[in-house]
Amino acid sequence: MLDAATAAGDIPGRLRAGSLMPYLGPGLAELAAAPVPTTHEELADYLGARVALPRRARGNCWAAAQYIETNRHRTTLDRLMVAAYAPPVNPTPLHHALAAAKPPLVVDTWYDSAMRVALSGQTDWGEIQGSSRVQIGEQRWYRSWDAAGVECPTADAEAWRTLLYKPHGAAAPGRSFLIADSDYVEVMTEIDIQTPLPDEVKRRRAGGGFLFLGCRFNDQMLRAYARQIMKRSGGGHIALVGGVVLTRNELRFLEEQEVTLLDMDLLALTRLLAGD
């Protein structure tokens, strides 16, 4: 692993060089004071406030979503998710700083569109979203959109300067979500052999490591997804954990993946990238 002091000083240069790629969690939406659920627990509460859930599904967004899909139909679940993440989330200065660095790959694991908006002033980028295969007629693992929000062949991603990858889907432009347990059944069956990951994501990750921002790995599914996205990457990973009490499983996971932990919060990183 990298020395923490050296790792912190190297972040701006590595971002600009493309050897450090942002991996964003819901903490960035929380930083933006977004009018949307900004944690998995808040999302579980949001769903539970709109559909009466059995006790076993309360407090767990994946179980809550599965109950809604099973008992109220998938269209109800999708409608609730779109409503939850339809309110615009204004990009923070950190979103804008990351976009300005033009990294080859940004992995954004939350459902809002703040990073997409931050990139919108550029033209040489596009987005790939994970797509639920349980929806009627949907047979693909993912779908792609260009900078204008027009759906396009995934092969077009080869020409993009920056690829925004939303592995769990998003409210816009695709309105497709991986959220219910059933969404992950096929994904988790095949993710070890990397089938659900776009080829261009696999190609770009080889060029460096990931910078984990606003992420938690306190659930087995979140760790499994991150582990597979990190597989065969170039290494040199960094995670900002300032002010966060990590669980034993999180610490073990980050140590196994050789991730350097920095006691720095997102505001401090924003100042660092601004040169303050």
C-alpha atoms as a PDB file:
ATOM      1  CA  MET A   1       0.000   0.000   0.000  1.00  0.00           C
ATOM      2  CA  LEU A   2       1.013   3.610  -0.483  1.00  0.00           C
ATOM      3  CA  ASP A   3       2.330   5.811   2.291  1.00  0.00           C
ATOM      4  CA  ALA A   4      -0.630   7.962   3.427  1.00  0.00           C
ATOM      5  CA  ALA A   5       1.180  11.309   3.252  1.00  0.00           C
ATOM      6  CA  THR A   6       2.570  10.557  -0.192  1.00  0.00           C
ATOM      7  CA  ALA A   7      -0.778   9.264  -1.390  1.00  0.00           C
ATOM      8  CA  ALA A   8      -2.574  12.457  -0.368  1.00  0.00           C
ATOM      9  CA  GLY A   9      -0.095  14.686  -2.168  1.00  0.00           C
ATOM     10  CA  ASP A  10      -0.239  12.555  -5.294  1.00  0.00           C
ATOM     11  CA  ILE A  11      -4.036  12.710  -5.705  1.00  0.00           C
ATOM     12  CA  PRO A  12      -4.289  15.845  -7.912  1.00  0.00           C
ATOM     13  CA  GLY A  13      -1.506  14.758 -10.250  1.00  0.00           C
ATOM     14  CA  ARG A  14      -2.717  11.181 -10.521  1.00  0.00           C
ATOM     15  CA  LEU A  15      -6.266  12.334 -11.295  1.00  0.00           C
ATOM     16  CA  ARG A  16      -5.018  14.570 -14.100  1.00  0.00           C
ATOM     17  CA  ALA A  17      -2.725  11.822 -15.413  1.00  0.00           C
ATOM     18  CA  GLY A  18      -5.552   9.293 -15.449  1.00  0.00           C
ATOM     19  CA  SER A  19      -3.831   6.843 -13.085  1.00  0.00           C
ATOM     20  CA  LEU A  20      -6.366   7.461 -10.317  1.00  0.00           C
ATOM     21  CA  MET A  21     -10.051   7.005 -11.132  1.00  0.00           C
ATOM     22  CA  PRO A  22     -12.878   8.254  -8.886  1.00  0.00           C
ATOM     23  CA  TYR A  23     -15.165   5.643  -7.352  1.00  0.00           C
ATOM     24  CA  LEU A  24     -18.116   7.557  -5.897  1.00  0.00           C
ATOM     25  CA  GLY A  25     -20.576   6.491  -3.231  1.00  0.00           C
ATOM     26  CA  PRO A  26     -23.706   8.107  -1.800  1.00  0.00           C
ATOM     27  CA  GLY A  27     -21.565  10.328   0.439  1.00  0.00           C
ATOM     28  CA  LEU A  28     -21.205  12.823  -2.397  1.00  0.00           C
ATOM     29  CA  ALA A  29     -24.975  13.230  -2.614  1.00  0.00           C
ATOM     30  CA  GLU A  30     -24.972  13.783   1.137  1.00  0.00           C
ATOM     31  CA  LEU A  31     -22.263  16.440   0.717  1.00  0.00           C
ATOM     32  CA  ALA A  32     -24.512  18.191  -1.803  1.00  0.00           C
ATOM     33  CA  ALA A  33     -27.351  18.303   0.757  1.00  0.00           C
ATOM     34  CA  ALA A  34     -29.336  16.556  -1.963  1.00  0.00           C
ATOM     35  CA  PRO A  35     -33.145  16.313  -1.772  1.00  0.00           C
ATOM     36  CA  VAL A  36     -32.881  12.549  -2.320  1.00  0.00           C
ATOM     37  CA  PRO A  37     -32.044   9.569  -0.114  1.00  0.00           C
ATOM     38  CA  THR A  38     -28.288   9.754   0.484  1.00  0.00           C
ATOM     39  CA  THR A  39     -27.642   6.438   2.238  1.00  0.00           C
ATOM     40  CA  HIS A  40     -28.889   2.907   1.782  1.00  0.00           C
ATOM     41  CA  GLU A  41     -30.645   3.271   5.136  1.00  0.00           C
ATOM     42  CA  GLU A  42     -32.433   6.454   4.011  1.00  0.00           C
ATOM     43  CA  LEU A  43     -33.498   4.701   0.821  1.00  0.00           C
ATOM     44  CA  ALA A  44     -34.919   1.824   2.876  1.00  0.00           C
ATOM     45  CA  ASP A  45     -36.847   4.339   5.007  1.00  0.00           C
ATOM     46  CA  TYR A  46     -38.106   6.106   1.864  1.00  0.00           C
ATOM     47  CA  LEU A  47     -39.489   2.874   0.425  1.00  0.00           C
ATOM     48  CA  GLY A  48     -40.929   1.824   3.771  1.00  0.00           C
ATOM     49  CA  ALA A  49     -42.755   5.125   4.137  1.00  0.00           C
ATOM     50  CA  ARG A  50     -44.605   4.510   0.861  1.00  0.00           C
ATOM     51  CA  VAL A  51     -45.313   0.798   1.054  1.00  0.00           C
ATOM     52  CA  ALA A  52     -46.118  -1.096   4.237  1.00  0.00           C
ATOM     53  CA  LEU A  53     -43.287  -3.587   4.692  1.00  0.00           C
ATOM     54  CA  PRO A  54     -43.016  -6.714   6.809  1.00  0.00           C
ATOM     55  CA  ARG A  55     -40.564  -6.497   9.658  1.00  0.00           C
ATOM     56  CA  ARG A  56     -37.957  -8.614   7.860  1.00  0.00           C
ATOM     57  CA  ALA A  57     -37.754  -6.065   5.018  1.00  0.00           C
ATOM     58  CA  ARG A  58     -37.587  -2.902   7.085  1.00  0.00           C
ATOM     59  CA  GLY A  59     -34.300  -1.036   7.209  1.00  0.00           C
ATOM     60  CA  ASN A  60     -32.776  -2.964   4.293  1.00  0.00           C
ATOM     61  CA  CYS A  61     -33.242  -1.270   0.928  1.00  0.00           C
ATOM     62  CA  TRP A  62     -32.592  -4.441  -1.101  1.00  0.00           C
ATOM     63  CA  ALA A  63     -35.094  -6.522   0.863  1.00  0.00           C
ATOM     64  CA  ALA A  64     -37.608  -3.658   0.842  1.00  0.00           C
ATOM     65  CA  ALA A  65     -37.296  -3.326  -2.933  1.00  0.00           C
ATOM     66  CA  GLN A  66     -37.721  -7.077  -3.376  1.00  0.00           C
ATOM     67  CA  TYR A  67     -40.885  -7.094  -1.295  1.00  0.00           C
ATOM     68  CA  ILE A  68     -42.337  -4.232  -3.352  1.00  0.00           C
ATOM     69  CA  GLU A  69     -41.441  -5.929  -6.627  1.00  0.00           C
ATOM     70  CA  THR A  70     -42.947  -9.237  -5.529  1.00  0.00           C
ATOM     71  CA  ASN A  71     -46.136  -7.877  -3.983  1.00  0.00           C
ATOM     72  CA  ARG A  72     -46.756  -4.630  -5.861  1.00  0.00           C
ATOM     73  CA  HIS A  73     -45.157  -5.340  -9.283  1.00  0.00           C
ATOM     74  CA  ARG A  74     -41.891  -4.103 -10.742  1.00  0.00           C
ATOM     75  CA  THR A  75     -43.513  -0.999 -12.213  1.00  0.00           C
ATOM     76  CA  THR A  76     -44.360   0.189  -8.697  1.00  0.00           C
ATOM     77  CA  LEU A  77     -40.759  -0.242  -7.569  1.00  0.00           C
ATOM     78  CA  ASP A  78     -39.395   1.583 -10.605  1.00  0.00           C
ATOM     79  CA  ARG A  79     -41.906   4.397 -10.139  1.00  0.00           C
ATOM     80  CA  LEU A  80     -40.842   4.837  -6.510  1.00  0.00           C
ATOM     81  CA  MET A  81     -37.154   4.836  -7.428  1.00  0.00           C
ATOM     82  CA  VAL A  82     -37.666   7.404 -10.183  1.00  0.00           C
ATOM     83  CA  ALA A  83     -39.629   9.599  -7.773  1.00  0.00           C
ATOM     84  CA  ALA A  84     -36.916   9.248  -5.131  1.00  0.00           C
ATOM     85  CA  TYR A  85     -34.137  10.360  -7.471  1.00  0.00           C
ATOM     86  CA  ALA A  86     -35.978  12.658  -9.882  1.00  0.00           C
ATOM     87  CA  PRO A  87     -35.244  15.823  -7.839  1.00  0.00           C
ATOM     88  CA  PRO A  88     -32.176  17.495  -9.349  1.00  0.00           C
ATOM     89  CA  VAL A  89     -28.978  17.156  -7.350  1.00  0.00           C
ATOM     90  CA  ASN A  90     -26.645  20.077  -7.921  1.00  0.00           C
ATOM     91  CA  PRO A  91     -23.025  19.046  -8.409  1.00  0.00           C
ATOM     92  CA  THR A  92     -20.703  20.112  -5.619  1.00  0.00           C
ATOM     93  CA  PRO A  93     -17.334  21.788  -6.258  1.00  0.00           C
ATOM     94  CA  LEU A  94     -15.852  18.323  -5.788  1.00  0.00           C
ATOM     95  CA  HIS A  95     -17.975  16.918  -8.624  1.00  0.00           C
ATOM     96  CA  HIS A  96     -16.814  19.786 -10.843  1.00  0.00           C
ATOM     97  CA  ALA A  97     -13.160  19.307  -9.863  1.00  0.00           C
ATOM     98  CA  LEU A  98     -13.334  15.611 -10.706  1.00  0.00           C
ATOM     99  CA  ALA A  99     -14.996  16.364 -14.045  1.00  0.00           C
ATOM    100  CA  ALA A 100     -12.346  18.981 -14.866  1.00  0.00           C
ATOM    101  CA  ALA A 101      -9.601  16.393 -14.322  1.00  0.00           C
ATOM    102  CA  LYS A 102     -11.114  14.370 -17.189  1.00  0.00           C
ATOM    103  CA  PRO A 103     -10.273  10.942 -15.778  1.00  0.00           C
ATOM    104  CA  PRO A 104     -10.668   8.011 -18.175  1.00  0.00           C
ATOM    105  CA  LEU A 105     -13.171   6.312 -15.851  1.00  0.00           C
ATOM    106  CA  VAL A 106     -15.538   7.483 -13.113  1.00  0.00           C
ATOM    107  CA  VAL A 107     -17.490   4.811 -11.250  1.00  0.00           C
ATOM    108  CA  ASP A 108     -20.574   6.301  -9.592  1.00  0.00           C
ATOM    109  CA  THR A 109     -22.503   3.827  -7.463  1.00  0.00           C
ATOM    110  CA  TRP A 110     -25.420   6.044  -6.427  1.00  0.00           C
ATOM    111  CA  TYR A 111     -28.668   6.732  -8.294  1.00  0.00           C
ATOM    112  CA  ASP A 112     -28.553  10.545  -8.681  1.00  0.00           C
ATOM    113  CA  SER A 113     -27.289  12.430 -11.738  1.00  0.00           C
ATOM    114  CA  ALA A 114     -24.962  15.004 -10.146  1.00  0.00           C
ATOM    115  CA  MET A 115     -21.838  13.612 -11.812  1.00  0.00           C
ATOM    116  CA  ARG A 116     -23.575  13.558 -15.165  1.00  0.00           C
ATOM    117  CA  VAL A 117     -24.495  17.224 -14.734  1.00  0.00           C
ATOM    118  CA  ALA A 118     -20.898  18.063 -13.756  1.00  0.00           C
ATOM    119  CA  LEU A 119     -19.674  16.491 -16.997  1.00  0.00           C
ATOM    120  CA  SER A 120     -22.347  18.152 -19.125  1.00  0.00           C
ATOM    121  CA  GLY A 121     -20.133  21.068 -20.153  1.00  0.00           C
ATOM    122  CA  GLN A 122     -17.908  18.636 -22.041  1.00  0.00           C
ATOM    123  CA  THR A 123     -18.619  16.664 -25.188  1.00  0.00           C
ATOM    124  CA  ASP A 124     -16.081  13.838 -25.154  1.00  0.00           C
ATOM    125  CA  TRP A 125     -17.735  11.596 -22.579  1.00  0.00           C
ATOM    126  CA  GLY A 126     -20.591   9.159 -22.199  1.00  0.00           C
ATOM    127  CA  GLU A 127     -22.323   6.956 -19.661  1.00  0.00           C
ATOM    128  CA  ILE A 128     -22.883   3.237 -19.223  1.00  0.00           C
ATOM    129  CA  GLN A 129     -25.527   2.150 -16.717  1.00  0.00           C
ATOM    130  CA  GLY A 130     -26.121  -1.269 -15.251  1.00  0.00           C
ATOM    131  CA  SER A 131     -29.529  -2.507 -16.347  1.00  0.00           C
ATOM    132  CA  SER A 132     -31.959  -4.785 -14.548  1.00  0.00           C
ATOM    133  CA  ARG A 133     -32.470  -7.981 -16.515  1.00  0.00           C
ATOM    134  CA  VAL A 134     -35.680  -8.829 -14.653  1.00  0.00           C
ATOM    135  CA  GLN A 135     -37.556  -6.080 -16.465  1.00  0.00           C
ATOM    136  CA  ILE A 136     -39.768  -7.271 -19.308  1.00  0.00           C
ATOM    137  CA  GLY A 137     -37.850  -7.398 -22.586  1.00  0.00           C
ATOM    138  CA  GLU A 138     -34.504  -6.391 -21.033  1.00  0.00           C
ATOM    139  CA  GLN A 139     -31.763  -8.871 -21.891  1.00  0.00           C
ATOM    140  CA  ARG A 140     -28.647  -6.729 -21.541  1.00  0.00           C
ATOM    141  CA  TRP A 141     -26.377  -6.287 -18.557  1.00  0.00           C
ATOM    142  CA  TYR A 142     -25.976  -2.558 -19.303  1.00  0.00           C
ATOM    143  CA  ARG A 143     -27.012   0.257 -21.624  1.00  0.00           C
ATOM    144  CA  SER A 144     -25.137   3.310 -22.915  1.00  0.00           C
ATOM    145  CA  TRP A 145     -25.816   7.002 -23.545  1.00  0.00           C
ATOM    146  CA  ASP A 146     -23.737   9.711 -25.135  1.00  0.00           C
ATOM    147  CA  ALA A 147     -23.094  13.178 -23.686  1.00  0.00           C
ATOM    148  CA  ALA A 148     -26.386  14.444 -25.120  1.00  0.00           C
ATOM    149  CA  GLY A 149     -28.346  11.717 -23.342  1.00  0.00           C
ATOM    150  CA  VAL A 150     -29.080   9.754 -26.512  1.00  0.00           C
ATOM    151  CA  GLU A 151     -28.891   5.969 -26.195  1.00  0.00           C
ATOM    152  CA  CYS A 152     -26.035   4.610 -28.259  1.00  0.00           C
ATOM    153  CA  PRO A 153     -24.099   1.392 -28.897  1.00  0.00           C
ATOM    154  CA  THR A 154     -21.753   0.499 -26.063  1.00  0.00           C
ATOM    155  CA  ALA A 155     -18.949   0.217 -28.614  1.00  0.00           C
ATOM    156  CA  ASP A 156     -19.046   4.023 -28.899  1.00  0.00           C
ATOM    157  CA  ALA A 157     -17.424   4.199 -25.457  1.00  0.00           C
ATOM    158  CA  GLU A 158     -14.022   3.477 -27.019  1.00  0.00           C
ATOM    159  CA  ALA A 159     -13.931   7.071 -28.293  1.00  0.00           C
ATOM    160  CA  TRP A 160     -14.937   8.808 -25.070  1.00  0.00           C
ATOM    161  CA  ARG A 161     -12.342  10.754 -23.092  1.00  0.00           C
ATOM    162  CA  THR A 162     -14.266  10.024 -19.872  1.00  0.00           C
ATOM    163  CA  LEU A 163     -16.522   7.049 -19.245  1.00  0.00           C
ATOM    164  CA  LEU A 164     -19.082   7.491 -16.462  1.00  0.00           C
ATOM    165  CA  TYR A 165     -20.039   4.032 -15.224  1.00  0.00           C
ATOM    166  CA  LYS A 166     -23.169   3.661 -13.079  1.00  0.00           C
ATOM    167  CA  PRO A 167     -23.108  -0.051 -12.157  1.00  0.00           C
ATOM    168  CA  HIS A 168     -26.385   0.069 -10.204  1.00  0.00           C
ATOM    169  CA  GLY A 169     -28.300   2.204 -12.710  1.00  0.00           C
ATOM    170  CA  ALA A 170     -29.711   5.700 -12.285  1.00  0.00           C
ATOM    171  CA  ALA A 171     -32.875   7.771 -12.507  1.00  0.00           C
ATOM    172  CA  ALA A 172     -31.680   9.488 -15.690  1.00  0.00           C
ATOM    173  CA  PRO A 173     -31.396   8.981 -18.520  1.00  0.00           C
ATOM    174  CA  GLY A 174     -32.109   5.255 -18.347  1.00  0.00           C
ATOM    175  CA  ARG A 175     -34.589   4.973 -15.464  1.00  0.00           C
ATOM    176  CA  SER A 176     -33.302   1.492 -14.764  1.00  0.00           C
ATOM    177  CA  PHE A 177     -32.160   0.323 -11.350  1.00  0.00           C
ATOM    178  CA  LEU A 178     -30.420  -2.582  -9.742  1.00  0.00           C
ATOM    179  CA  ILE A 179     -31.981  -2.444  -6.297  1.00  0.00           C
ATOM    180  CA  ALA A 180     -34.085  -5.542  -5.543  1.00  0.00           C
ATOM    181  CA  ASP A 181     -32.508  -8.810  -4.475  1.00  0.00           C
ATOM    182  CA  SER A 182     -33.730 -10.376  -7.729  1.00  0.00           C
ATOM    183  CA  ASP A 183     -31.770  -7.792  -9.734  1.00  0.00           C
ATOM    184  CA  TYR A 184     -28.559  -9.144  -8.289  1.00  0.00           C
ATOM    185  CA  VAL A 185     -29.238 -12.864  -8.588  1.00  0.00           C
ATOM    186  CA  GLU A 186     -27.882 -13.192 -12.129  1.00  0.00           C
ATOM    187  CA  VAL A 187     -25.289 -10.465 -11.633  1.00  0.00           C
ATOM    188  CA  MET A 188     -23.763 -12.064  -8.559  1.00  0.00           C
ATOM    189  CA  THR A 189     -23.835 -15.467 -10.277  1.00  0.00           C
ATOM    190  CA  GLU A 190     -21.708 -14.215 -13.155  1.00  0.00           C
ATOM    191  CA  ILE A 191     -19.753 -11.307 -11.715  1.00  0.00           C
ATOM    192  CA  ASP A 192     -16.838 -13.549 -10.759  1.00  0.00           C
ATOM    193  CA  ILE A 193     -16.254 -14.157 -14.458  1.00  0.00           C
ATOM    194  CA  GLN A 194     -16.770 -10.421 -15.138  1.00  0.00           C
ATOM    195  CA  THR A 195     -19.594 -10.859 -17.670  1.00  0.00           C
ATOM    196  CA  PRO A 196     -21.786  -8.056 -16.233  1.00  0.00           C
ATOM    197  CA  LEU A 197     -18.956  -5.497 -16.530  1.00  0.00           C
ATOM    198  CA  PRO A 198     -18.554  -3.553 -19.792  1.00  0.00           C
ATOM    199  CA  ASP A 199     -15.385  -4.377 -21.716  1.00  0.00           C
ATOM    200  CA  GLU A 200     -14.407  -0.710 -21.841  1.00  0.00           C
ATOM    201  CA  VAL A 201     -14.575  -0.453 -18.050  1.00  0.00           C
ATOM    202  CA  LYS A 202     -12.287  -3.477 -17.812  1.00  0.00           C
ATOM    203  CA  ARG A 203      -9.871  -1.943 -20.303  1.00  0.00           C
ATOM    204  CA  ARG A 204      -9.699   1.455 -18.608  1.00  0.00           C
ATOM    205  CA  ARG A 205      -9.310   0.204 -15.043  1.00  0.00           C
ATOM    206  CA  ALA A 206      -6.014  -1.438 -16.024  1.00  0.00           C
ATOM    207  CA  GLY A 207      -4.465   2.027 -16.260  1.00  0.00           C
ATOM    208  CA  GLY A 208      -4.469   2.766 -12.545  1.00  0.00           C
ATOM    209  CA  GLY A 209      -6.211   2.584  -9.196  1.00  0.00           C
ATOM    210  CA  PHE A 210      -9.428   3.887  -7.693  1.00  0.00           C
ATOM    211  CA  LEU A 211     -10.058   6.838  -5.406  1.00  0.00           C
ATOM    212  CA  PHE A 212     -12.958   5.877  -3.140  1.00  0.00           C
ATOM    213  CA  LEU A 213     -15.035   8.888  -2.141  1.00  0.00           C
ATOM    214  CA  GLY A 214     -18.174   8.786   0.007  1.00  0.00           C
ATOM    215  CA  CYS A 215     -18.240   4.984  -0.097  1.00  0.00           C
ATOM    216  CA  ARG A 216     -19.116   2.430   2.547  1.00  0.00           C
ATOM    217  CA  PHE A 217     -18.510  -1.295   2.245  1.00  0.00           C
ATOM    218  CA  ASN A 218     -20.557  -2.434   5.223  1.00  0.00           C
ATOM    219  CA  ASP A 219     -22.609  -4.875   3.155  1.00  0.00           C
ATOM    220  CA  GLN A 220     -21.397  -8.026   1.441  1.00  0.00           C
ATOM    221  CA  MET A 221     -22.977  -7.065  -1.880  1.00  0.00           C
ATOM    222  CA  LEU A 222     -21.199  -3.689  -1.940  1.00  0.00           C
ATOM    223  CA  ARG A 223     -17.876  -5.377  -1.228  1.00  0.00           C
ATOM    224  CA  ALA A 224     -18.469  -8.021  -3.899  1.00  0.00           C
ATOM    225  CA  TYR A 225     -19.234  -5.403  -6.544  1.00  0.00           C
ATOM    226  CA  ALA A 226     -16.246  -3.246  -5.672  1.00  0.00           C
ATOM    227  CA  ARG A 227     -13.931  -6.279  -5.595  1.00  0.00           C
ATOM    228  CA  GLN A 228     -14.922  -7.256  -9.126  1.00  0.00           C
ATOM    229  CA  ILE A 229     -14.654  -3.712 -10.493  1.00  0.00           C
ATOM    230  CA  MET A 230     -11.178  -3.419  -8.946  1.00  0.00           C
ATOM    231  CA  LYS A 231     -10.050  -6.803 -10.300  1.00  0.00           C
ATOM    232  CA  ARG A 232      -7.074  -6.540 -12.682  1.00  0.00           C
ATOM    233  CA  SER A 233      -6.821  -2.786 -12.174  1.00  0.00           C
ATOM    234  CA  GLY A 234      -3.451  -1.057 -12.024  1.00  0.00           C
ATOM    235  CA  GLY A 235      -3.437  -0.706  -8.231  1.00  0.00           C
ATOM    236  CA  GLY A 236      -2.544   2.229  -6.021  1.00  0.00           C
ATOM    237  CA  HIS A 237      -6.048   2.558  -4.563  1.00  0.00           C
ATOM    238  CA  ILE A 238      -6.918   5.283  -2.033  1.00  0.00           C
ATOM    239  CA  ALA A 239      -9.990   5.689   0.184  1.00  0.00           C
ATOM    240  CA  LEU A 240     -10.964   8.826   2.087  1.00  0.00           C
ATOM    241  CA  VAL A 241     -12.298   7.779   5.475  1.00  0.00           C
ATOM    242  CA  GLY A 242     -12.126  10.998   7.494  1.00  0.00           C
ATOM    243  CA  GLY A 243     -14.769  11.054  10.233  1.00  0.00           C
ATOM    244  CA  VAL A 244     -16.016   7.535   9.407  1.00  0.00           C
ATOM    245  CA  VAL A 245     -15.929   4.634  11.856  1.00  0.00           C
ATOM    246  CA  LEU A 246     -15.335   1.587   9.685  1.00  0.00           C
ATOM    247  CA  THR A 247     -16.610  -1.856  10.588  1.00  0.00           C
ATOM    248  CA  ARG A 248     -14.267  -4.800  11.018  1.00  0.00           C
ATOM    249  CA  ASN A 249     -15.467  -6.248   7.691  1.00  0.00           C
ATOM    250  CA  GLU A 250     -14.793  -2.953   5.930  1.00  0.00           C
ATOM    251  CA  LEU A 251     -11.287  -2.734   7.349  1.00  0.00           C
ATOM    252  CA  ARG A 252     -10.555  -6.332   6.360  1.00  0.00           C
ATOM    253  CA  PHE A 253     -11.874  -5.742   2.834  1.00  0.00           C
ATOM    254  CA  LEU A 254      -9.831  -2.559   2.321  1.00  0.00           C
ATOM    255  CA  GLU A 255      -6.707  -4.229   3.653  1.00  0.00           C
ATOM    256  CA  GLU A 256      -7.200  -7.250   1.385  1.00  0.00           C
ATOM    257  CA  GLN A 257      -7.582  -4.944  -1.619  1.00  0.00           C
ATOM    258  CA  GLU A 258      -4.455  -2.965  -0.625  1.00  0.00           C
ATOM    259  CA  VAL A 259      -6.327   0.312  -0.337  1.00  0.00           C
ATOM    260  CA  THR A 260      -4.493   3.164   1.395  1.00  0.00           C
ATOM    261  CA  LEU A 261      -6.755   4.876   3.949  1.00  0.00           C
ATOM    262  CA  LEU A 262      -6.575   8.662   4.285  1.00  0.00           C
ATOM    263  CA  ASP A 263      -7.942  10.492   7.298  1.00  0.00           C
ATOM    264  CA  MET A 264      -9.325  13.228   5.040  1.00  0.00           C
ATOM    265  CA  ASP A 265     -12.916  14.287   4.434  1.00  0.00           C
ATOM    266  CA  LEU A 266     -14.514  15.316   1.153  1.00  0.00           C
ATOM    267  CA  LEU A 267     -14.305  19.043   1.889  1.00  0.00           C
ATOM    268  CA  ALA A 268     -10.563  18.749   2.536  1.00  0.00           C
ATOM    269  CA  LEU A 269     -10.157  16.959  -0.790  1.00  0.00           C
ATOM    270  CA  THR A 270     -12.110  19.722  -2.498  1.00  0.00           C
ATOM    271  CA  ARG A 271      -9.683  22.280  -1.093  1.00  0.00           C
ATOM    272  CA  LEU A 272      -6.719  20.122  -2.136  1.00  0.00           C
ATOM    273  CA  LEU A 273      -7.946  19.891  -5.720  1.00  0.00           C
ATOM    274  CA  ALA A 274      -8.589  23.638  -5.764  1.00  0.00           C
ATOM    275  CA  GLY A 275      -4.968  24.226  -4.741  1.00  0.00           C
ATOM    276  CA  ASP A 276      -5.846  25.847  -1.403  1.00  0.00           C
END
